[in-house]
Amino acid sequence: GIGLVPGVFAGSLAATLLHREFRLQ
């Protein structure tokens, strides 16, 4: 679990940046 949580965050961040979907809300 300690590896899972930051991994999920990093995976989502990578997808967001790769597809240019990052937006501060």
mmCIF file of all heavy atoms, coordinates in Angstrom:
data_MODEL
# 
_entry.id   MODEL 
# 
loop_
_atom_site.group_PDB 
_atom_site.id 
_atom_site.type_symbol 
_atom_site.label_atom_id 
_atom_site.label_alt_id 
_atom_site.label_comp_id 
_atom_site.label_asym_id 
_atom_site.label_entity_id 
_atom_site.label_seq_id 
_atom_site.pdbx_PDB_ins_code 
_atom_site.Cartn_x 
_atom_site.Cartn_y 
_atom_site.Cartn_z 
_atom_site.occupancy 
_atom_site.B_iso_or_equiv 
_atom_site.pdbx_formal_charge 
_atom_site.auth_seq_id 
_atom_site.auth_comp_id 
_atom_site.auth_asym_id 
_atom_site.auth_atom_id 
_atom_site.pdbx_PDB_model_num 
ATOM 1   N N   . GLY A 1 1  ? 0.804   -1.217 0.000   1.00 0.00 ? 1  GLY A N   1 
ATOM 2   C CA  . GLY A 1 1  ? 0.000   0.000  0.000   1.00 0.00 ? 1  GLY A CA  1 
ATOM 3   C C   . GLY A 1 1  ? 0.833   1.262  0.000   1.00 0.00 ? 1  GLY A C   1 
ATOM 4   O O   . GLY A 1 1  ? 0.467   2.257  -0.632  1.00 0.00 ? 1  GLY A O   1 
ATOM 5   N N   . ILE A 1 2  ? 1.995   1.236  0.720   1.00 0.00 ? 2  ILE A N   1 
ATOM 6   C CA  . ILE A 1 2  ? 2.863   2.413  0.762   1.00 0.00 ? 2  ILE A CA  1 
ATOM 7   C C   . ILE A 1 2  ? 3.428   2.715  -0.620  1.00 0.00 ? 2  ILE A C   1 
ATOM 8   O O   . ILE A 1 2  ? 3.659   3.871  -0.976  1.00 0.00 ? 2  ILE A O   1 
ATOM 9   C CB  . ILE A 1 2  ? 4.003   2.189  1.778   1.00 0.00 ? 2  ILE A CB  1 
ATOM 10  C CG1 . ILE A 1 2  ? 3.451   2.142  3.204   1.00 0.00 ? 2  ILE A CG1 1 
ATOM 11  C CG2 . ILE A 1 2  ? 5.058   3.275  1.660   1.00 0.00 ? 2  ILE A CG2 1 
ATOM 12  C CD1 . ILE A 1 2  ? 2.916   3.457  3.706   1.00 0.00 ? 2  ILE A CD1 1 
ATOM 13  N N   . GLY A 1 3  ? 3.640   1.681  -1.430  1.00 0.00 ? 3  GLY A N   1 
ATOM 14  C CA  . GLY A 1 3  ? 4.073   1.908  -2.805  1.00 0.00 ? 3  GLY A CA  1 
ATOM 15  C C   . GLY A 1 3  ? 2.926   2.263  -3.726  1.00 0.00 ? 3  GLY A C   1 
ATOM 16  O O   . GLY A 1 3  ? 3.076   3.038  -4.675  1.00 0.00 ? 3  GLY A O   1 
ATOM 17  N N   . LEU A 1 4  ? 1.743   1.692  -3.439  1.00 0.00 ? 4  LEU A N   1 
ATOM 18  C CA  . LEU A 1 4  ? 0.575   1.867  -4.301  1.00 0.00 ? 4  LEU A CA  1 
ATOM 19  C C   . LEU A 1 4  ? 0.110   3.316  -4.377  1.00 0.00 ? 4  LEU A C   1 
ATOM 20  O O   . LEU A 1 4  ? -0.113  3.851  -5.476  1.00 0.00 ? 4  LEU A O   1 
ATOM 21  C CB  . LEU A 1 4  ? -0.571  0.987  -3.790  1.00 0.00 ? 4  LEU A CB  1 
ATOM 22  C CG  . LEU A 1 4  ? -1.912  1.147  -4.499  1.00 0.00 ? 4  LEU A CG  1 
ATOM 23  C CD1 . LEU A 1 4  ? -1.882  0.470  -5.863  1.00 0.00 ? 4  LEU A CD1 1 
ATOM 24  C CD2 . LEU A 1 4  ? -3.046  0.577  -3.653  1.00 0.00 ? 4  LEU A CD2 1 
ATOM 25  N N   . VAL A 1 5  ? -0.067  3.972  -3.242  1.00 0.00 ? 5  VAL A N   1 
ATOM 26  C CA  . VAL A 1 5  ? -0.675  5.310  -3.210  1.00 0.00 ? 5  VAL A CA  1 
ATOM 27  C C   . VAL A 1 5  ? 0.140   6.333  -4.003  1.00 0.00 ? 5  VAL A C   1 
ATOM 28  O O   . VAL A 1 5  ? -0.407  7.005  -4.886  1.00 0.00 ? 5  VAL A O   1 
ATOM 29  C CB  . VAL A 1 5  ? -0.910  5.762  -1.759  1.00 0.00 ? 5  VAL A CB  1 
ATOM 30  C CG1 . VAL A 1 5  ? -1.368  7.212  -1.713  1.00 0.00 ? 5  VAL A CG1 1 
ATOM 31  C CG2 . VAL A 1 5  ? -1.945  4.864  -1.085  1.00 0.00 ? 5  VAL A CG2 1 
ATOM 32  N N   . PRO A 1 6  ? 1.448   6.492  -3.744  1.00 0.00 ? 6  PRO A N   1 
ATOM 33  C CA  . PRO A 1 6  ? 2.207   7.431  -4.586  1.00 0.00 ? 6  PRO A CA  1 
ATOM 34  C C   . PRO A 1 6  ? 2.290   6.976  -6.040  1.00 0.00 ? 6  PRO A C   1 
ATOM 35  O O   . PRO A 1 6  ? 2.379   7.803  -6.949  1.00 0.00 ? 6  PRO A O   1 
ATOM 36  C CB  . PRO A 1 6  ? 3.594   7.467  -3.934  1.00 0.00 ? 6  PRO A CB  1 
ATOM 37  C CG  . PRO A 1 6  ? 3.673   6.256  -3.094  1.00 0.00 ? 6  PRO A CG  1 
ATOM 38  C CD  . PRO A 1 6  ? 2.276   5.944  -2.657  1.00 0.00 ? 6  PRO A CD  1 
ATOM 39  N N   . GLY A 1 7  ? 2.242   5.656  -6.270  1.00 0.00 ? 7  GLY A N   1 
ATOM 40  C CA  . GLY A 1 7  ? 2.250   5.154  -7.638  1.00 0.00 ? 7  GLY A CA  1 
ATOM 41  C C   . GLY A 1 7  ? 1.018   5.587  -8.411  1.00 0.00 ? 7  GLY A C   1 
ATOM 42  O O   . GLY A 1 7  ? 1.104   5.976  -9.581  1.00 0.00 ? 7  GLY A O   1 
ATOM 43  N N   . VAL A 1 8  ? -0.158  5.517  -7.768  1.00 0.00 ? 8  VAL A N   1 
ATOM 44  C CA  . VAL A 1 8  ? -1.398  5.956  -8.406  1.00 0.00 ? 8  VAL A CA  1 
ATOM 45  C C   . VAL A 1 8  ? -1.332  7.443  -8.723  1.00 0.00 ? 8  VAL A C   1 
ATOM 46  O O   . VAL A 1 8  ? -1.712  7.883  -9.821  1.00 0.00 ? 8  VAL A O   1 
ATOM 47  C CB  . VAL A 1 8  ? -2.612  5.641  -7.515  1.00 0.00 ? 8  VAL A CB  1 
ATOM 48  C CG1 . VAL A 1 8  ? -3.875  6.303  -8.067  1.00 0.00 ? 8  VAL A CG1 1 
ATOM 49  C CG2 . VAL A 1 8  ? -2.823  4.140  -7.405  1.00 0.00 ? 8  VAL A CG2 1 
ATOM 50  N N   . PHE A 1 9  ? -0.852  8.224  -7.765  1.00 0.00 ? 9  PHE A N   1 
ATOM 51  C CA  . PHE A 1 9  ? -0.732  9.671  -7.980  1.00 0.00 ? 9  PHE A CA  1 
ATOM 52  C C   . PHE A 1 9  ? 0.197   9.954  -9.164  1.00 0.00 ? 9  PHE A C   1 
ATOM 53  O O   . PHE A 1 9  ? -0.120  10.767 -10.050 1.00 0.00 ? 9  PHE A O   1 
ATOM 54  C CB  . PHE A 1 9  ? -0.199  10.349 -6.722  1.00 0.00 ? 9  PHE A CB  1 
ATOM 55  C CG  . PHE A 1 9  ? -0.159  11.851 -6.793  1.00 0.00 ? 9  PHE A CG  1 
ATOM 56  C CD1 . PHE A 1 9  ? -1.242  12.607 -6.380  1.00 0.00 ? 9  PHE A CD1 1 
ATOM 57  C CD2 . PHE A 1 9  ? 0.962   12.515 -7.288  1.00 0.00 ? 9  PHE A CD2 1 
ATOM 58  C CE1 . PHE A 1 9  ? -1.219  14.000 -6.454  1.00 0.00 ? 9  PHE A CE1 1 
ATOM 59  C CE2 . PHE A 1 9  ? 0.998   13.895 -7.366  1.00 0.00 ? 9  PHE A CE2 1 
ATOM 60  C CZ  . PHE A 1 9  ? -0.093  14.635 -6.948  1.00 0.00 ? 9  PHE A CZ  1 
ATOM 61  N N   . ALA A 1 10 ? 1.346   9.266  -9.201  1.00 0.00 ? 10 ALA A N   1 
ATOM 62  C CA  . ALA A 1 10 ? 2.313   9.481  -10.284 1.00 0.00 ? 10 ALA A CA  1 
ATOM 63  C C   . ALA A 1 10 ? 1.747   9.039  -11.627 1.00 0.00 ? 10 ALA A C   1 
ATOM 64  O O   . ALA A 1 10 ? 1.960   9.699  -12.651 1.00 0.00 ? 10 ALA A O   1 
ATOM 65  C CB  . ALA A 1 10 ? 3.609   8.725  -9.979  1.00 0.00 ? 10 ALA A CB  1 
ATOM 66  N N   . GLY A 1 11 ? 1.019   7.927  -11.640 1.00 0.00 ? 11 GLY A N   1 
ATOM 67  C CA  . GLY A 1 11 ? 0.432   7.453  -12.886 1.00 0.00 ? 11 GLY A CA  1 
ATOM 68  C C   . GLY A 1 11 ? -0.608  8.419  -13.433 1.00 0.00 ? 11 GLY A C   1 
ATOM 69  O O   . GLY A 1 11 ? -0.660  8.690  -14.641 1.00 0.00 ? 11 GLY A O   1 
ATOM 70  N N   . SER A 1 12 ? -1.442  8.935  -12.537 1.00 0.00 ? 12 SER A N   1 
ATOM 71  C CA  . SER A 1 12 ? -2.445  9.904  -12.955 1.00 0.00 ? 12 SER A CA  1 
ATOM 72  C C   . SER A 1 12 ? -1.797  11.203 -13.431 1.00 0.00 ? 12 SER A C   1 
ATOM 73  O O   . SER A 1 12 ? -2.213  11.800 -14.436 1.00 0.00 ? 12 SER A O   1 
ATOM 74  C CB  . SER A 1 12 ? -3.406  10.191 -11.797 1.00 0.00 ? 12 SER A CB  1 
ATOM 75  O OG  . SER A 1 12 ? -4.345  11.187 -12.151 1.00 0.00 ? 12 SER A OG  1 
ATOM 76  N N   . LEU A 1 13 ? -0.755  11.646 -12.716 1.00 0.00 ? 13 LEU A N   1 
ATOM 77  C CA  . LEU A 1 13 ? -0.046  12.865 -13.106 1.00 0.00 ? 13 LEU A CA  1 
ATOM 78  C C   . LEU A 1 13 ? 0.598   12.696 -14.476 1.00 0.00 ? 13 LEU A C   1 
ATOM 79  O O   . LEU A 1 13 ? 0.538   13.603 -15.324 1.00 0.00 ? 13 LEU A O   1 
ATOM 80  C CB  . LEU A 1 13 ? 1.006   13.216 -12.063 1.00 0.00 ? 13 LEU A CB  1 
ATOM 81  C CG  . LEU A 1 13 ? 1.858   14.465 -12.341 1.00 0.00 ? 13 LEU A CG  1 
ATOM 82  C CD1 . LEU A 1 13 ? 0.981   15.708 -12.424 1.00 0.00 ? 13 LEU A CD1 1 
ATOM 83  C CD2 . LEU A 1 13 ? 2.923   14.636 -11.265 1.00 0.00 ? 13 LEU A CD2 1 
ATOM 84  N N   . ALA A 1 14 ? 1.205   11.535 -14.707 1.00 0.00 ? 14 ALA A N   1 
ATOM 85  C CA  . ALA A 1 14 ? 1.842   11.282 -16.005 1.00 0.00 ? 14 ALA A CA  1 
ATOM 86  C C   . ALA A 1 14 ? 0.812   11.337 -17.128 1.00 0.00 ? 14 ALA A C   1 
ATOM 87  O O   . ALA A 1 14 ? 1.059   11.926 -18.190 1.00 0.00 ? 14 ALA A O   1 
ATOM 88  C CB  . ALA A 1 14 ? 2.541   9.924  -15.983 1.00 0.00 ? 14 ALA A CB  1 
ATOM 89  N N   . ALA A 1 15 ? -0.351  10.710 -16.919 1.00 0.00 ? 15 ALA A N   1 
ATOM 90  C CA  . ALA A 1 15 ? -1.405  10.736 -17.932 1.00 0.00 ? 15 ALA A CA  1 
ATOM 91  C C   . ALA A 1 15 ? -1.894  12.154 -18.176 1.00 0.00 ? 15 ALA A C   1 
ATOM 92  O O   . ALA A 1 15 ? -2.128  12.565 -19.319 1.00 0.00 ? 15 ALA A O   1 
ATOM 93  C CB  . ALA A 1 15 ? -2.560  9.838  -17.497 1.00 0.00 ? 15 ALA A CB  1 
ATOM 94  N N   . THR A 1 16 ? -2.044  12.912 -17.093 1.00 0.00 ? 16 THR A N   1 
ATOM 95  C CA  . THR A 1 16 ? -2.534  14.286 -17.202 1.00 0.00 ? 16 THR A CA  1 
ATOM 96  C C   . THR A 1 16 ? -1.570  15.161 -17.997 1.00 0.00 ? 16 THR A C   1 
ATOM 97  O O   . THR A 1 16 ? -1.981  15.937 -18.873 1.00 0.00 ? 16 THR A O   1 
ATOM 98  C CB  . THR A 1 16 ? -2.737  14.876 -15.796 1.00 0.00 ? 16 THR A CB  1 
ATOM 99  O OG1 . THR A 1 16 ? -3.674  14.074 -15.078 1.00 0.00 ? 16 THR A OG1 1 
ATOM 100 C CG2 . THR A 1 16 ? -3.250  16.300 -15.870 1.00 0.00 ? 16 THR A CG2 1 
ATOM 101 N N   . LEU A 1 17 ? -0.270  15.050 -17.683 1.00 0.00 ? 17 LEU A N   1 
ATOM 102 C CA  . LEU A 1 17 ? 0.722   15.866 -18.380 1.00 0.00 ? 17 LEU A CA  1 
ATOM 103 C C   . LEU A 1 17 ? 0.902   15.409 -19.820 1.00 0.00 ? 17 LEU A C   1 
ATOM 104 O O   . LEU A 1 17 ? 1.032   16.243 -20.730 1.00 0.00 ? 17 LEU A O   1 
ATOM 105 C CB  . LEU A 1 17 ? 2.055   15.797 -17.628 1.00 0.00 ? 17 LEU A CB  1 
ATOM 106 C CG  . LEU A 1 17 ? 2.056   16.384 -16.209 1.00 0.00 ? 17 LEU A CG  1 
ATOM 107 C CD1 . LEU A 1 17 ? 3.411   16.185 -15.551 1.00 0.00 ? 17 LEU A CD1 1 
ATOM 108 C CD2 . LEU A 1 17 ? 1.683   17.863 -16.233 1.00 0.00 ? 17 LEU A CD2 1 
ATOM 109 N N   . LEU A 1 18 ? 0.903   14.100 -20.029 1.00 0.00 ? 18 LEU A N   1 
ATOM 110 C CA  . LEU A 1 18 ? 1.102   13.573 -21.380 1.00 0.00 ? 18 LEU A CA  1 
ATOM 111 C C   . LEU A 1 18 ? -0.012  14.020 -22.321 1.00 0.00 ? 18 LEU A C   1 
ATOM 112 O O   . LEU A 1 18 ? 0.228   14.343 -23.487 1.00 0.00 ? 18 LEU A O   1 
ATOM 113 C CB  . LEU A 1 18 ? 1.172   12.041 -21.336 1.00 0.00 ? 18 LEU A CB  1 
ATOM 114 C CG  . LEU A 1 18 ? 1.408   11.317 -22.671 1.00 0.00 ? 18 LEU A CG  1 
ATOM 115 C CD1 . LEU A 1 18 ? 2.764   11.708 -23.249 1.00 0.00 ? 18 LEU A CD1 1 
ATOM 116 C CD2 . LEU A 1 18 ? 1.321   9.809  -22.482 1.00 0.00 ? 18 LEU A CD2 1 
ATOM 117 N N   . HIS A 1 19 ? -1.237  14.053 -21.810 1.00 0.00 ? 19 HIS A N   1 
ATOM 118 C CA  . HIS A 1 19 ? -2.384  14.422 -22.649 1.00 0.00 ? 19 HIS A CA  1 
ATOM 119 C C   . HIS A 1 19 ? -2.814  15.877 -22.437 1.00 0.00 ? 19 HIS A C   1 
ATOM 120 O O   . HIS A 1 19 ? -3.904  16.264 -22.850 1.00 0.00 ? 19 HIS A O   1 
ATOM 121 C CB  . HIS A 1 19 ? -3.551  13.470 -22.360 1.00 0.00 ? 19 HIS A CB  1 
ATOM 122 C CG  . HIS A 1 19 ? -3.249  12.047 -22.725 1.00 0.00 ? 19 HIS A CG  1 
ATOM 123 N ND1 . HIS A 1 19 ? -3.328  11.580 -24.014 1.00 0.00 ? 19 HIS A ND1 1 
ATOM 124 C CD2 . HIS A 1 19 ? -2.850  10.994 -21.964 1.00 0.00 ? 19 HIS A CD2 1 
ATOM 125 C CE1 . HIS A 1 19 ? -3.000  10.297 -24.040 1.00 0.00 ? 19 HIS A CE1 1 
ATOM 126 N NE2 . HIS A 1 19 ? -2.700  9.915  -22.815 1.00 0.00 ? 19 HIS A NE2 1 
ATOM 127 N N   . ARG A 1 20 ? -1.979  16.646 -21.744 1.00 0.00 ? 20 ARG A N   1 
ATOM 128 C CA  . ARG A 1 20 ? -2.187  18.081 -21.558 1.00 0.00 ? 20 ARG A CA  1 
ATOM 129 C C   . ARG A 1 20 ? -3.551  18.394 -20.932 1.00 0.00 ? 20 ARG A C   1 
ATOM 130 O O   . ARG A 1 20 ? -4.301  19.233 -21.424 1.00 0.00 ? 20 ARG A O   1 
ATOM 131 C CB  . ARG A 1 20 ? -2.034  18.820 -22.893 1.00 0.00 ? 20 ARG A CB  1 
ATOM 132 C CG  . ARG A 1 20 ? -0.654  18.645 -23.510 1.00 0.00 ? 20 ARG A CG  1 
ATOM 133 C CD  . ARG A 1 20 ? -0.534  19.369 -24.825 1.00 0.00 ? 20 ARG A CD  1 
ATOM 134 N NE  . ARG A 1 20 ? 0.794   19.192 -25.407 1.00 0.00 ? 20 ARG A NE  1 
ATOM 135 C CZ  . ARG A 1 20 ? 1.196   19.705 -26.574 1.00 0.00 ? 20 ARG A CZ  1 
ATOM 136 N NH1 . ARG A 1 20 ? 0.336   20.448 -27.282 1.00 0.00 ? 20 ARG A NH1 1 
ATOM 137 N NH2 . ARG A 1 20 ? 2.406   19.495 -27.027 1.00 0.00 ? 20 ARG A NH2 1 
ATOM 138 N N   . GLU A 1 21 ? -3.835  17.703 -19.843 1.00 0.00 ? 21 GLU A N   1 
ATOM 139 C CA  . GLU A 1 21 ? -5.124  17.890 -19.174 1.00 0.00 ? 21 GLU A CA  1 
ATOM 140 C C   . GLU A 1 21 ? -4.971  18.493 -17.776 1.00 0.00 ? 21 GLU A C   1 
ATOM 141 O O   . GLU A 1 21 ? -5.951  18.598 -17.044 1.00 0.00 ? 21 GLU A O   1 
ATOM 142 C CB  . GLU A 1 21 ? -5.847  16.540 -19.079 1.00 0.00 ? 21 GLU A CB  1 
ATOM 143 C CG  . GLU A 1 21 ? -6.206  15.969 -20.440 1.00 0.00 ? 21 GLU A CG  1 
ATOM 144 C CD  . GLU A 1 21 ? -6.773  14.559 -20.372 1.00 0.00 ? 21 GLU A CD  1 
ATOM 145 O OE1 . GLU A 1 21 ? -6.681  13.932 -19.287 1.00 0.00 ? 21 GLU A OE1 1 
ATOM 146 O OE2 . GLU A 1 21 ? -7.306  14.082 -21.378 1.00 0.00 ? 21 GLU A OE2 1 
ATOM 147 N N   . PHE A 1 22 ? -3.763  18.879 -17.410 1.00 0.00 ? 22 PHE A N   1 
ATOM 148 C CA  . PHE A 1 22 ? -3.550  19.452 -16.077 1.00 0.00 ? 22 PHE A CA  1 
ATOM 149 C C   . PHE A 1 22 ? -4.200  20.833 -15.992 1.00 0.00 ? 22 PHE A C   1 
ATOM 150 O O   . PHE A 1 22 ? -3.994  21.681 -16.851 1.00 0.00 ? 22 PHE A O   1 
ATOM 151 C CB  . PHE A 1 22 ? -2.050  19.567 -15.784 1.00 0.00 ? 22 PHE A CB  1 
ATOM 152 C CG  . PHE A 1 22 ? -1.745  19.977 -14.370 1.00 0.00 ? 22 PHE A CG  1 
ATOM 153 C CD1 . PHE A 1 22 ? -1.620  19.036 -13.365 1.00 0.00 ? 22 PHE A CD1 1 
ATOM 154 C CD2 . PHE A 1 22 ? -1.591  21.316 -14.042 1.00 0.00 ? 22 PHE A CD2 1 
ATOM 155 C CE1 . PHE A 1 22 ? -1.342  19.405 -12.072 1.00 0.00 ? 22 PHE A CE1 1 
ATOM 156 C CE2 . PHE A 1 22 ? -1.317  21.705 -12.740 1.00 0.00 ? 22 PHE A CE2 1 
ATOM 157 C CZ  . PHE A 1 22 ? -1.190  20.742 -11.745 1.00 0.00 ? 22 PHE A CZ  1 
ATOM 158 N N   . ARG A 1 23 ? -4.990  21.024 -14.937 1.00 0.00 ? 23 ARG A N   1 
ATOM 159 C CA  . ARG A 1 23 ? -5.677  22.318 -14.773 1.00 0.00 ? 23 ARG A CA  1 
ATOM 160 C C   . ARG A 1 23 ? -5.937  22.534 -13.287 1.00 0.00 ? 23 ARG A C   1 
ATOM 161 O O   . ARG A 1 23 ? -6.552  21.704 -12.622 1.00 0.00 ? 23 ARG A O   1 
ATOM 162 C CB  . ARG A 1 23 ? -7.000  22.332 -15.534 1.00 0.00 ? 23 ARG A CB  1 
ATOM 163 C CG  . ARG A 1 23 ? -7.727  23.669 -15.479 1.00 0.00 ? 23 ARG A CG  1 
ATOM 164 C CD  . ARG A 1 23 ? -8.801  23.717 -16.546 1.00 0.00 ? 23 ARG A CD  1 
ATOM 165 N NE  . ARG A 1 23 ? -9.831  22.714 -16.343 1.00 0.00 ? 23 ARG A NE  1 
ATOM 166 C CZ  . ARG A 1 23 ? -10.953 22.926 -15.646 1.00 0.00 ? 23 ARG A CZ  1 
ATOM 167 N NH1 . ARG A 1 23 ? -11.177 24.106 -15.094 1.00 0.00 ? 23 ARG A NH1 1 
ATOM 168 N NH2 . ARG A 1 23 ? -11.854 21.972 -15.519 1.00 0.00 ? 23 ARG A NH2 1 
ATOM 169 N N   . LEU A 1 24 ? -5.456  23.651 -12.751 1.00 0.00 ? 24 LEU A N   1 
ATOM 170 C CA  . LEU A 1 24 ? -5.651  23.963 -11.343 1.00 0.00 ? 24 LEU A CA  1 
ATOM 171 C C   . LEU A 1 24 ? -7.110  24.310 -11.088 1.00 0.00 ? 24 LEU A C   1 
ATOM 172 O O   . LEU A 1 24 ? -7.699  25.117 -11.799 1.00 0.00 ? 24 LEU A O   1 
ATOM 173 C CB  . LEU A 1 24 ? -4.754  25.127 -10.926 1.00 0.00 ? 24 LEU A CB  1 
ATOM 174 C CG  . LEU A 1 24 ? -3.248  24.831 -10.876 1.00 0.00 ? 24 LEU A CG  1 
ATOM 175 C CD1 . LEU A 1 24 ? -2.476  26.100 -10.573 1.00 0.00 ? 24 LEU A CD1 1 
ATOM 176 C CD2 . LEU A 1 24 ? -2.943  23.763 -9.826  1.00 0.00 ? 24 LEU A CD2 1 
ATOM 177 N N   . GLN A 1 25 ? -7.684  23.675 -10.056 1.00 0.00 ? 25 GLN A N   1 
ATOM 178 C CA  . GLN A 1 25 ? -9.070  23.936 -9.679  1.00 0.00 ? 25 GLN A CA  1 
ATOM 179 C C   . GLN A 1 25 ? -9.144  24.036 -8.161  1.00 0.00 ? 25 GLN A C   1 
ATOM 180 O O   . GLN A 1 25 ? -8.542  23.232 -7.457  1.00 0.00 ? 25 GLN A O   1 
ATOM 181 C CB  . GLN A 1 25 ? -9.990  22.798 -10.152 1.00 0.00 ? 25 GLN A CB  1 
ATOM 182 C CG  . GLN A 1 25 ? -9.980  22.566 -11.641 1.00 0.00 ? 25 GLN A CG  1 
ATOM 183 C CD  . GLN A 1 25 ? -10.834 21.375 -12.027 1.00 0.00 ? 25 GLN A CD  1 
ATOM 184 O OE1 . GLN A 1 25 ? -12.058 21.389 -11.849 1.00 0.00 ? 25 GLN A OE1 1 
ATOM 185 N NE2 . GLN A 1 25 ? -10.213 20.336 -12.553 1.00 0.00 ? 25 GLN A NE2 1 
# 
